ModelCIF file with pLDDT and N, C-alpha, C, O atoms, coordinates in Angstrom:
data_MODEL
#
_entry.id   MODEL 
#
_entity.id                         1 
_entity.type                       polymer 
_entity.pdbx_number_of_molecules   1 
#
_entity_poly.entity_id                      1 
_entity_poly.type                           'polypeptide(L)' 
_entity_poly.nstd_linkage                   no 
_entity_poly.nstd_monomer                   no 
_entity_poly.pdbx_seq_one_letter_code       GRATLELVNTPQRDLIDELEVGRPVSREMRVALEVDDAAAAT 
_entity_poly.pdbx_seq_one_letter_code_can   GRATLELVNTPQRDLIDELEVGRPVSREMRVALEVDDAAAAT 
_entity_poly.pdbx_strand_id                 A 
#
loop_
_entity_poly_seq.entity_id 
_entity_poly_seq.num 
_entity_poly_seq.mon_id 
_entity_poly_seq.hetero 
1 1  GLY n 
1 2  ARG n 
1 3  ALA n 
1 4  THR n 
1 5  LEU n 
1 6  GLU n 
1 7  LEU n 
1 8  VAL n 
1 9  ASN n 
1 10 THR n 
1 11 PRO n 
1 12 GLN n 
1 13 ARG n 
1 14 ASP n 
1 15 LEU n 
1 16 ILE n 
1 17 ASP n 
1 18 GLU n 
1 19 LEU n 
1 20 GLU n 
1 21 VAL n 
1 22 GLY n 
1 23 ARG n 
1 24 PRO n 
1 25 VAL n 
1 26 SER n 
1 27 ARG n 
1 28 GLU n 
1 29 MET n 
1 30 ARG n 
1 31 VAL n 
1 32 ALA n 
1 33 LEU n 
1 34 GLU n 
1 35 VAL n 
1 36 ASP n 
1 37 ASP n 
1 38 ALA n 
1 39 ALA n 
1 40 ALA n 
1 41 ALA n 
1 42 THR n 
#
_struct_asym.id          A 
_struct_asym.entity_id   1 
#
loop_
_ma_qa_metric.id 
_ma_qa_metric.mode 
_ma_qa_metric.name 
_ma_qa_metric.software_group_id 
_ma_qa_metric.type 
1 global pLDDT . pLDDT 
2 local  pLDDT . pLDDT 
#
_ma_qa_metric_global.metric_id      1 
_ma_qa_metric_global.metric_value   92.95 
_ma_qa_metric_global.model_id       1 
_ma_qa_metric_global.ordinal_id     1 
#
loop_
_ma_qa_metric_local.label_asym_id 
_ma_qa_metric_local.label_comp_id 
_ma_qa_metric_local.label_seq_id 
_ma_qa_metric_local.metric_id 
_ma_qa_metric_local.metric_value 
_ma_qa_metric_local.model_id 
_ma_qa_metric_local.ordinal_id 
A GLY 1  2 91.00 1 1  
A ARG 2  2 90.00 1 2  
A ALA 3  2 90.00 1 3  
A THR 4  2 88.00 1 4  
A LEU 5  2 84.00 1 5  
A GLU 6  2 90.00 1 6  
A LEU 7  2 89.00 1 7  
A VAL 8  2 92.00 1 8  
A ASN 9  2 92.00 1 9  
A THR 10 2 92.00 1 10 
A PRO 11 2 93.00 1 11 
A GLN 12 2 94.00 1 12 
A ARG 13 2 95.00 1 13 
A ASP 14 2 95.00 1 14 
A LEU 15 2 94.00 1 15 
A ILE 16 2 94.00 1 16 
A ASP 17 2 95.00 1 17 
A GLU 18 2 94.00 1 18 
A LEU 19 2 93.00 1 19 
A GLU 20 2 93.00 1 20 
A VAL 21 2 94.00 1 21 
A GLY 22 2 94.00 1 22 
A ARG 23 2 95.00 1 23 
A PRO 24 2 95.00 1 24 
A VAL 25 2 95.00 1 25 
A SER 26 2 92.00 1 26 
A ARG 27 2 88.00 1 27 
A GLU 28 2 89.00 1 28 
A MET 29 2 91.00 1 29 
A ARG 30 2 93.00 1 30 
A VAL 31 2 94.00 1 31 
A ALA 32 2 94.00 1 32 
A LEU 33 2 94.00 1 33 
A GLU 34 2 94.00 1 34 
A VAL 35 2 95.00 1 35 
A ASP 36 2 94.00 1 36 
A ASP 37 2 95.00 1 37 
A ALA 38 2 95.00 1 38 
A ALA 39 2 96.00 1 39 
A ALA 40 2 96.00 1 40 
A ALA 41 2 96.00 1 41 
A THR 42 2 97.00 1 42 
#
loop_
_atom_site.group_PDB 
_atom_site.id 
_atom_site.type_symbol 
_atom_site.label_atom_id 
_atom_site.label_alt_id 
_atom_site.label_comp_id 
_atom_site.label_asym_id 
_atom_site.label_entity_id 
_atom_site.label_seq_id 
_atom_site.pdbx_PDB_ins_code 
_atom_site.Cartn_x 
_atom_site.Cartn_y 
_atom_site.Cartn_z 
_atom_site.occupancy 
_atom_site.B_iso_or_equiv 
_atom_site.pdbx_formal_charge 
_atom_site.auth_seq_id 
_atom_site.auth_comp_id 
_atom_site.auth_asym_id 
_atom_site.auth_atom_id 
_atom_site.pdbx_PDB_model_num 
ATOM 1   N N  . GLY A 1 1  ? -26.238 129.769 170.504 1.00 91.00 ? 1  GLY A N  1 
ATOM 2   C CA . GLY A 1 1  ? -26.983 130.373 171.476 1.00 91.00 ? 1  GLY A CA 1 
ATOM 3   C C  . GLY A 1 1  ? -27.716 131.679 172.090 1.00 91.00 ? 1  GLY A C  1 
ATOM 4   O O  . GLY A 1 1  ? -28.800 131.759 171.511 1.00 91.00 ? 1  GLY A O  1 
ATOM 5   N N  . ARG A 1 2  ? -27.547 132.972 173.230 1.00 90.00 ? 2  ARG A N  1 
ATOM 6   C CA . ARG A 1 2  ? -27.664 133.913 172.967 1.00 90.00 ? 2  ARG A CA 1 
ATOM 7   C C  . ARG A 1 2  ? -27.085 135.179 172.596 1.00 90.00 ? 2  ARG A C  1 
ATOM 8   O O  . ARG A 1 2  ? -26.003 135.375 173.150 1.00 90.00 ? 2  ARG A O  1 
ATOM 9   N N  . ALA A 1 3  ? -27.539 136.252 171.699 1.00 90.00 ? 3  ALA A N  1 
ATOM 10  C CA . ALA A 1 3  ? -27.192 137.340 170.811 1.00 90.00 ? 3  ALA A CA 1 
ATOM 11  C C  . ALA A 1 3  ? -27.424 138.431 170.882 1.00 90.00 ? 3  ALA A C  1 
ATOM 12  O O  . ALA A 1 3  ? -28.427 139.080 170.583 1.00 90.00 ? 3  ALA A O  1 
ATOM 13  N N  . THR A 1 4  ? -26.598 138.659 171.241 1.00 88.00 ? 4  THR A N  1 
ATOM 14  C CA . THR A 1 4  ? -26.699 140.795 171.484 1.00 88.00 ? 4  THR A CA 1 
ATOM 15  C C  . THR A 1 4  ? -25.760 141.646 170.597 1.00 88.00 ? 4  THR A C  1 
ATOM 16  O O  . THR A 1 4  ? -24.610 141.372 170.251 1.00 88.00 ? 4  THR A O  1 
ATOM 17  N N  . LEU A 1 5  ? -26.398 142.586 170.346 1.00 84.00 ? 5  LEU A N  1 
ATOM 18  C CA . LEU A 1 5  ? -25.787 143.528 169.760 1.00 84.00 ? 5  LEU A CA 1 
ATOM 19  C C  . LEU A 1 5  ? -25.115 144.489 170.379 1.00 84.00 ? 5  LEU A C  1 
ATOM 20  O O  . LEU A 1 5  ? -25.823 145.318 170.952 1.00 84.00 ? 5  LEU A O  1 
ATOM 21  N N  . GLU A 1 6  ? -22.901 144.765 170.498 1.00 90.00 ? 6  GLU A N  1 
ATOM 22  C CA . GLU A 1 6  ? -22.438 145.564 171.066 1.00 90.00 ? 6  GLU A CA 1 
ATOM 23  C C  . GLU A 1 6  ? -21.964 146.632 170.317 1.00 90.00 ? 6  GLU A C  1 
ATOM 24  O O  . GLU A 1 6  ? -21.288 146.506 169.296 1.00 90.00 ? 6  GLU A O  1 
ATOM 25  N N  . LEU A 1 7  ? -22.424 148.025 170.978 1.00 89.00 ? 7  LEU A N  1 
ATOM 26  C CA . LEU A 1 7  ? -22.059 148.466 170.199 1.00 89.00 ? 7  LEU A CA 1 
ATOM 27  C C  . LEU A 1 7  ? -21.093 149.501 171.283 1.00 89.00 ? 7  LEU A C  1 
ATOM 28  O O  . LEU A 1 7  ? -21.215 149.788 172.474 1.00 89.00 ? 7  LEU A O  1 
ATOM 29  N N  . VAL A 1 8  ? -19.936 149.942 170.046 1.00 92.00 ? 8  VAL A N  1 
ATOM 30  C CA . VAL A 1 8  ? -18.191 150.217 170.342 1.00 92.00 ? 8  VAL A CA 1 
ATOM 31  C C  . VAL A 1 8  ? -18.397 151.667 170.487 1.00 92.00 ? 8  VAL A C  1 
ATOM 32  O O  . VAL A 1 8  ? -19.565 151.782 170.858 1.00 92.00 ? 8  VAL A O  1 
ATOM 33  N N  . ASN A 1 9  ? -17.824 152.913 170.378 1.00 92.00 ? 9  ASN A N  1 
ATOM 34  C CA . ASN A 1 9  ? -17.468 154.037 170.429 1.00 92.00 ? 9  ASN A CA 1 
ATOM 35  C C  . ASN A 1 9  ? -15.907 153.798 170.085 1.00 92.00 ? 9  ASN A C  1 
ATOM 36  O O  . ASN A 1 9  ? -15.369 152.887 170.714 1.00 92.00 ? 9  ASN A O  1 
ATOM 37  N N  . THR A 1 10 ? -14.911 154.708 168.909 1.00 92.00 ? 10 THR A N  1 
ATOM 38  C CA . THR A 1 10 ? -14.478 154.447 168.591 1.00 92.00 ? 10 THR A CA 1 
ATOM 39  C C  . THR A 1 10 ? -13.084 154.569 169.810 1.00 92.00 ? 10 THR A C  1 
ATOM 40  O O  . THR A 1 10 ? -12.129 153.848 169.521 1.00 92.00 ? 10 THR A O  1 
ATOM 41  N N  . PRO A 1 11 ? -12.979 155.162 170.718 1.00 93.00 ? 11 PRO A N  1 
ATOM 42  C CA . PRO A 1 11 ? -11.751 154.702 171.890 1.00 93.00 ? 11 PRO A CA 1 
ATOM 43  C C  . PRO A 1 11 ? -12.297 153.671 172.778 1.00 93.00 ? 11 PRO A C  1 
ATOM 44  O O  . PRO A 1 11 ? -11.372 153.274 173.486 1.00 93.00 ? 11 PRO A O  1 
ATOM 45  N N  . GLN A 1 12 ? -13.360 153.078 173.048 1.00 94.00 ? 12 GLN A N  1 
ATOM 46  C CA . GLN A 1 12 ? -13.308 151.160 173.065 1.00 94.00 ? 12 GLN A CA 1 
ATOM 47  C C  . GLN A 1 12 ? -12.875 150.561 172.284 1.00 94.00 ? 12 GLN A C  1 
ATOM 48  O O  . GLN A 1 12 ? -11.859 150.046 172.749 1.00 94.00 ? 12 GLN A O  1 
ATOM 49  N N  . ARG A 1 13 ? -13.078 150.163 170.897 1.00 95.00 ? 13 ARG A N  1 
ATOM 50  C CA . ARG A 1 13 ? -12.323 149.462 170.273 1.00 95.00 ? 13 ARG A CA 1 
ATOM 51  C C  . ARG A 1 13 ? -11.247 149.659 169.490 1.00 95.00 ? 13 ARG A C  1 
ATOM 52  O O  . ARG A 1 13 ? -11.009 149.321 168.330 1.00 95.00 ? 13 ARG A O  1 
ATOM 53  N N  . ASP A 1 14 ? -10.460 150.425 170.520 1.00 95.00 ? 14 ASP A N  1 
ATOM 54  C CA . ASP A 1 14 ? -9.078  151.498 170.360 1.00 95.00 ? 14 ASP A CA 1 
ATOM 55  C C  . ASP A 1 14 ? -8.247  150.580 171.778 1.00 95.00 ? 14 ASP A C  1 
ATOM 56  O O  . ASP A 1 14 ? -7.111  150.105 171.775 1.00 95.00 ? 14 ASP A O  1 
ATOM 57  N N  . LEU A 1 15 ? -9.318  150.558 172.946 1.00 94.00 ? 15 LEU A N  1 
ATOM 58  C CA . LEU A 1 15 ? -9.043  149.826 174.030 1.00 94.00 ? 15 LEU A CA 1 
ATOM 59  C C  . LEU A 1 15 ? -8.482  148.509 173.376 1.00 94.00 ? 15 LEU A C  1 
ATOM 60  O O  . LEU A 1 15 ? -7.314  148.146 173.237 1.00 94.00 ? 15 LEU A O  1 
ATOM 61  N N  . ILE A 1 16 ? -9.908  147.776 172.943 1.00 94.00 ? 16 ILE A N  1 
ATOM 62  C CA . ILE A 1 16 ? -9.942  146.946 173.105 1.00 94.00 ? 16 ILE A CA 1 
ATOM 63  C C  . ILE A 1 16 ? -8.822  145.808 172.692 1.00 94.00 ? 16 ILE A C  1 
ATOM 64  O O  . ILE A 1 16 ? -8.404  144.771 173.208 1.00 94.00 ? 16 ILE A O  1 
ATOM 65  N N  . ASP A 1 17 ? -8.454  146.850 171.008 1.00 95.00 ? 17 ASP A N  1 
ATOM 66  C CA . ASP A 1 17 ? -7.812  146.025 170.483 1.00 95.00 ? 17 ASP A CA 1 
ATOM 67  C C  . ASP A 1 17 ? -6.244  146.166 171.170 1.00 95.00 ? 17 ASP A C  1 
ATOM 68  O O  . ASP A 1 17 ? -5.473  145.329 170.701 1.00 95.00 ? 17 ASP A O  1 
ATOM 69  N N  . GLU A 1 18 ? -5.834  146.777 171.861 1.00 94.00 ? 18 GLU A N  1 
ATOM 70  C CA . GLU A 1 18 ? -4.617  147.083 172.506 1.00 94.00 ? 18 GLU A CA 1 
ATOM 71  C C  . GLU A 1 18 ? -4.797  146.443 173.517 1.00 94.00 ? 18 GLU A C  1 
ATOM 72  O O  . GLU A 1 18 ? -3.749  145.817 173.681 1.00 94.00 ? 18 GLU A O  1 
ATOM 73  N N  . LEU A 1 19 ? -5.816  146.090 174.693 1.00 93.00 ? 19 LEU A N  1 
ATOM 74  C CA . LEU A 1 19 ? -5.728  144.438 175.060 1.00 93.00 ? 19 LEU A CA 1 
ATOM 75  C C  . LEU A 1 19 ? -5.401  143.145 175.017 1.00 93.00 ? 19 LEU A C  1 
ATOM 76  O O  . LEU A 1 19 ? -4.700  142.393 175.693 1.00 93.00 ? 19 LEU A O  1 
ATOM 77  N N  . GLU A 1 20 ? -6.421  143.014 173.570 1.00 93.00 ? 20 GLU A N  1 
ATOM 78  C CA . GLU A 1 20 ? -6.500  141.920 172.736 1.00 93.00 ? 20 GLU A CA 1 
ATOM 79  C C  . GLU A 1 20 ? -5.455  141.212 172.655 1.00 93.00 ? 20 GLU A C  1 
ATOM 80  O O  . GLU A 1 20 ? -4.897  140.246 173.174 1.00 93.00 ? 20 GLU A O  1 
ATOM 81  N N  . VAL A 1 21 ? -5.266  142.571 171.217 1.00 94.00 ? 21 VAL A N  1 
ATOM 82  C CA . VAL A 1 21 ? -4.324  142.429 169.881 1.00 94.00 ? 21 VAL A CA 1 
ATOM 83  C C  . VAL A 1 21 ? -2.641  143.152 170.388 1.00 94.00 ? 21 VAL A C  1 
ATOM 84  O O  . VAL A 1 21 ? -1.451  142.869 170.524 1.00 94.00 ? 21 VAL A O  1 
ATOM 85  N N  . GLY A 1 22 ? -3.543  144.142 170.500 1.00 94.00 ? 22 GLY A N  1 
ATOM 86  C CA . GLY A 1 22 ? -1.452  144.485 171.216 1.00 94.00 ? 22 GLY A CA 1 
ATOM 87  C C  . GLY A 1 22 ? -1.605  146.018 170.137 1.00 94.00 ? 22 GLY A C  1 
ATOM 88  O O  . GLY A 1 22 ? -1.059  147.097 170.366 1.00 94.00 ? 22 GLY A O  1 
ATOM 89  N N  . ARG A 1 23 ? -2.211  145.793 169.344 1.00 95.00 ? 23 ARG A N  1 
ATOM 90  C CA . ARG A 1 23 ? -1.987  146.958 168.442 1.00 95.00 ? 23 ARG A CA 1 
ATOM 91  C C  . ARG A 1 23 ? -3.319  147.458 167.550 1.00 95.00 ? 23 ARG A C  1 
ATOM 92  O O  . ARG A 1 23 ? -4.254  146.695 167.791 1.00 95.00 ? 23 ARG A O  1 
ATOM 93  N N  . PRO A 1 24 ? -3.579  148.190 166.881 1.00 95.00 ? 24 PRO A N  1 
ATOM 94  C CA . PRO A 1 24 ? -4.807  148.181 165.973 1.00 95.00 ? 24 PRO A CA 1 
ATOM 95  C C  . PRO A 1 24 ? -4.551  147.645 164.505 1.00 95.00 ? 24 PRO A C  1 
ATOM 96  O O  . PRO A 1 24 ? -3.801  147.746 163.535 1.00 95.00 ? 24 PRO A O  1 
ATOM 97  N N  . VAL A 1 25 ? -6.299  146.659 165.265 1.00 95.00 ? 25 VAL A N  1 
ATOM 98  C CA . VAL A 1 25 ? -6.320  145.645 163.835 1.00 95.00 ? 25 VAL A CA 1 
ATOM 99  C C  . VAL A 1 25 ? -8.222  145.166 163.163 1.00 95.00 ? 25 VAL A C  1 
ATOM 100 O O  . VAL A 1 25 ? -8.640  144.397 162.297 1.00 95.00 ? 25 VAL A O  1 
ATOM 101 N N  . SER A 1 26 ? -9.177  146.573 164.605 1.00 92.00 ? 26 SER A N  1 
ATOM 102 C CA . SER A 1 26 ? -10.053 145.622 164.020 1.00 92.00 ? 26 SER A CA 1 
ATOM 103 C C  . SER A 1 26 ? -11.112 146.643 162.541 1.00 92.00 ? 26 SER A C  1 
ATOM 104 O O  . SER A 1 26 ? -10.539 147.429 161.786 1.00 92.00 ? 26 SER A O  1 
ATOM 105 N N  . ARG A 1 27 ? -11.806 146.510 162.505 1.00 88.00 ? 27 ARG A N  1 
ATOM 106 C CA . ARG A 1 27 ? -12.884 146.463 161.428 1.00 88.00 ? 27 ARG A CA 1 
ATOM 107 C C  . ARG A 1 27 ? -13.957 147.520 161.642 1.00 88.00 ? 27 ARG A C  1 
ATOM 108 O O  . ARG A 1 27 ? -14.021 148.175 162.682 1.00 88.00 ? 27 ARG A O  1 
ATOM 109 N N  . GLU A 1 28 ? -14.801 147.664 160.614 1.00 89.00 ? 28 GLU A N  1 
ATOM 110 C CA . GLU A 1 28 ? -16.588 148.274 160.913 1.00 89.00 ? 28 GLU A CA 1 
ATOM 111 C C  . GLU A 1 28 ? -17.103 146.970 161.958 1.00 89.00 ? 28 GLU A C  1 
ATOM 112 O O  . GLU A 1 28 ? -17.714 147.271 162.983 1.00 89.00 ? 28 GLU A O  1 
ATOM 113 N N  . MET A 1 29 ? -16.922 146.034 161.754 1.00 91.00 ? 29 MET A N  1 
ATOM 114 C CA . MET A 1 29 ? -17.491 145.037 162.508 1.00 91.00 ? 29 MET A CA 1 
ATOM 115 C C  . MET A 1 29 ? -16.602 143.631 162.595 1.00 91.00 ? 29 MET A C  1 
ATOM 116 O O  . MET A 1 29 ? -16.155 142.947 161.674 1.00 91.00 ? 29 MET A O  1 
ATOM 117 N N  . ARG A 1 30 ? -16.510 143.454 163.979 1.00 93.00 ? 30 ARG A N  1 
ATOM 118 C CA . ARG A 1 30 ? -16.111 141.979 164.190 1.00 93.00 ? 30 ARG A CA 1 
ATOM 119 C C  . ARG A 1 30 ? -17.426 141.127 164.944 1.00 93.00 ? 30 ARG A C  1 
ATOM 120 O O  . ARG A 1 30 ? -18.403 141.598 165.525 1.00 93.00 ? 30 ARG A O  1 
ATOM 121 N N  . VAL A 1 31 ? -17.143 140.053 164.758 1.00 94.00 ? 31 VAL A N  1 
ATOM 122 C CA . VAL A 1 31 ? -17.838 138.527 165.553 1.00 94.00 ? 31 VAL A CA 1 
ATOM 123 C C  . VAL A 1 31 ? -17.324 138.351 166.718 1.00 94.00 ? 31 VAL A C  1 
ATOM 124 O O  . VAL A 1 31 ? -16.337 137.615 166.702 1.00 94.00 ? 31 VAL A O  1 
ATOM 125 N N  . ALA A 1 32 ? -17.694 138.843 167.951 1.00 94.00 ? 32 ALA A N  1 
ATOM 126 C CA . ALA A 1 32 ? -17.330 137.439 169.097 1.00 94.00 ? 32 ALA A CA 1 
ATOM 127 C C  . ALA A 1 32 ? -18.302 136.585 169.596 1.00 94.00 ? 32 ALA A C  1 
ATOM 128 O O  . ALA A 1 32 ? -19.306 137.036 170.147 1.00 94.00 ? 32 ALA A O  1 
ATOM 129 N N  . LEU A 1 33 ? -18.103 135.371 169.454 1.00 94.00 ? 33 LEU A N  1 
ATOM 130 C CA . LEU A 1 33 ? -18.583 134.071 170.332 1.00 94.00 ? 33 LEU A CA 1 
ATOM 131 C C  . LEU A 1 33 ? -17.830 133.970 171.288 1.00 94.00 ? 33 LEU A C  1 
ATOM 132 O O  . LEU A 1 33 ? -16.603 134.035 171.210 1.00 94.00 ? 33 LEU A O  1 
ATOM 133 N N  . GLU A 1 34 ? -18.797 133.714 172.808 1.00 94.00 ? 34 GLU A N  1 
ATOM 134 C CA . GLU A 1 34 ? -18.737 133.192 174.377 1.00 94.00 ? 34 GLU A CA 1 
ATOM 135 C C  . GLU A 1 34 ? -18.816 131.392 173.947 1.00 94.00 ? 34 GLU A C  1 
ATOM 136 O O  . GLU A 1 34 ? -19.685 130.823 173.286 1.00 94.00 ? 34 GLU A O  1 
ATOM 137 N N  . VAL A 1 35 ? -17.732 130.882 174.515 1.00 95.00 ? 35 VAL A N  1 
ATOM 138 C CA . VAL A 1 35 ? -17.131 130.228 173.703 1.00 95.00 ? 35 VAL A CA 1 
ATOM 139 C C  . VAL A 1 35 ? -16.587 128.758 175.809 1.00 95.00 ? 35 VAL A C  1 
ATOM 140 O O  . VAL A 1 35 ? -15.804 129.006 176.726 1.00 95.00 ? 35 VAL A O  1 
ATOM 141 N N  . ASP A 1 36 ? -17.427 127.618 175.605 1.00 94.00 ? 36 ASP A N  1 
ATOM 142 C CA . ASP A 1 36 ? -16.433 127.191 177.576 1.00 94.00 ? 36 ASP A CA 1 
ATOM 143 C C  . ASP A 1 36 ? -15.173 127.726 177.643 1.00 94.00 ? 36 ASP A C  1 
ATOM 144 O O  . ASP A 1 36 ? -14.569 128.460 178.425 1.00 94.00 ? 36 ASP A O  1 
ATOM 145 N N  . ASP A 1 37 ? -14.897 127.063 176.431 1.00 95.00 ? 37 ASP A N  1 
ATOM 146 C CA . ASP A 1 37 ? -12.921 127.286 176.293 1.00 95.00 ? 37 ASP A CA 1 
ATOM 147 C C  . ASP A 1 37 ? -12.037 128.525 175.555 1.00 95.00 ? 37 ASP A C  1 
ATOM 148 O O  . ASP A 1 37 ? -11.330 128.203 174.600 1.00 95.00 ? 37 ASP A O  1 
ATOM 149 N N  . ALA A 1 38 ? -12.054 129.284 175.787 1.00 95.00 ? 38 ALA A N  1 
ATOM 150 C CA . ALA A 1 38 ? -11.233 129.962 174.433 1.00 95.00 ? 38 ALA A CA 1 
ATOM 151 C C  . ALA A 1 38 ? -10.312 129.764 174.046 1.00 95.00 ? 38 ALA A C  1 
ATOM 152 O O  . ALA A 1 38 ? -10.387 129.909 172.826 1.00 95.00 ? 38 ALA A O  1 
ATOM 153 N N  . ALA A 1 39 ? -9.096  129.412 174.418 1.00 96.00 ? 39 ALA A N  1 
ATOM 154 C CA . ALA A 1 39 ? -8.409  128.408 174.609 1.00 96.00 ? 39 ALA A CA 1 
ATOM 155 C C  . ALA A 1 39 ? -8.189  126.927 173.110 1.00 96.00 ? 39 ALA A C  1 
ATOM 156 O O  . ALA A 1 39 ? -7.518  126.968 172.078 1.00 96.00 ? 39 ALA A O  1 
ATOM 157 N N  . ALA A 1 40 ? -9.264  125.599 173.784 1.00 96.00 ? 40 ALA A N  1 
ATOM 158 C CA . ALA A 1 40 ? -9.323  125.148 172.666 1.00 96.00 ? 40 ALA A CA 1 
ATOM 159 C C  . ALA A 1 40 ? -10.593 125.576 171.605 1.00 96.00 ? 40 ALA A C  1 
ATOM 160 O O  . ALA A 1 40 ? -10.693 125.000 170.521 1.00 96.00 ? 40 ALA A O  1 
ATOM 161 N N  . ALA A 1 41 ? -11.529 126.613 172.007 1.00 96.00 ? 41 ALA A N  1 
ATOM 162 C CA . ALA A 1 41 ? -11.850 126.988 170.815 1.00 96.00 ? 41 ALA A CA 1 
ATOM 163 C C  . ALA A 1 41 ? -11.225 127.581 169.372 1.00 96.00 ? 41 ALA A C  1 
ATOM 164 O O  . ALA A 1 41 ? -11.476 127.678 168.171 1.00 96.00 ? 41 ALA A O  1 
ATOM 165 N N  . THR A 1 42 ? -9.961  127.986 170.660 1.00 97.00 ? 42 THR A N  1 
ATOM 166 C CA . THR A 1 42 ? -9.206  129.096 169.510 1.00 97.00 ? 42 THR A CA 1 
ATOM 167 C C  . THR A 1 42 ? -8.312  128.043 168.344 1.00 97.00 ? 42 THR A C  1 
ATOM 168 O O  . THR A 1 42 ? -7.680  128.547 167.416 1.00 97.00 ? 42 THR A O  1 
#
């Protein structure tokens, strides 16, 4: 589908990790895919 390049600074990366996972886990690169149903796709 549509591709975008998402650039985040360190505080934003940390915030995303906290909200999605509850702890720091990110690396320098992560792939994000928008899907119709996140639960079913998971």
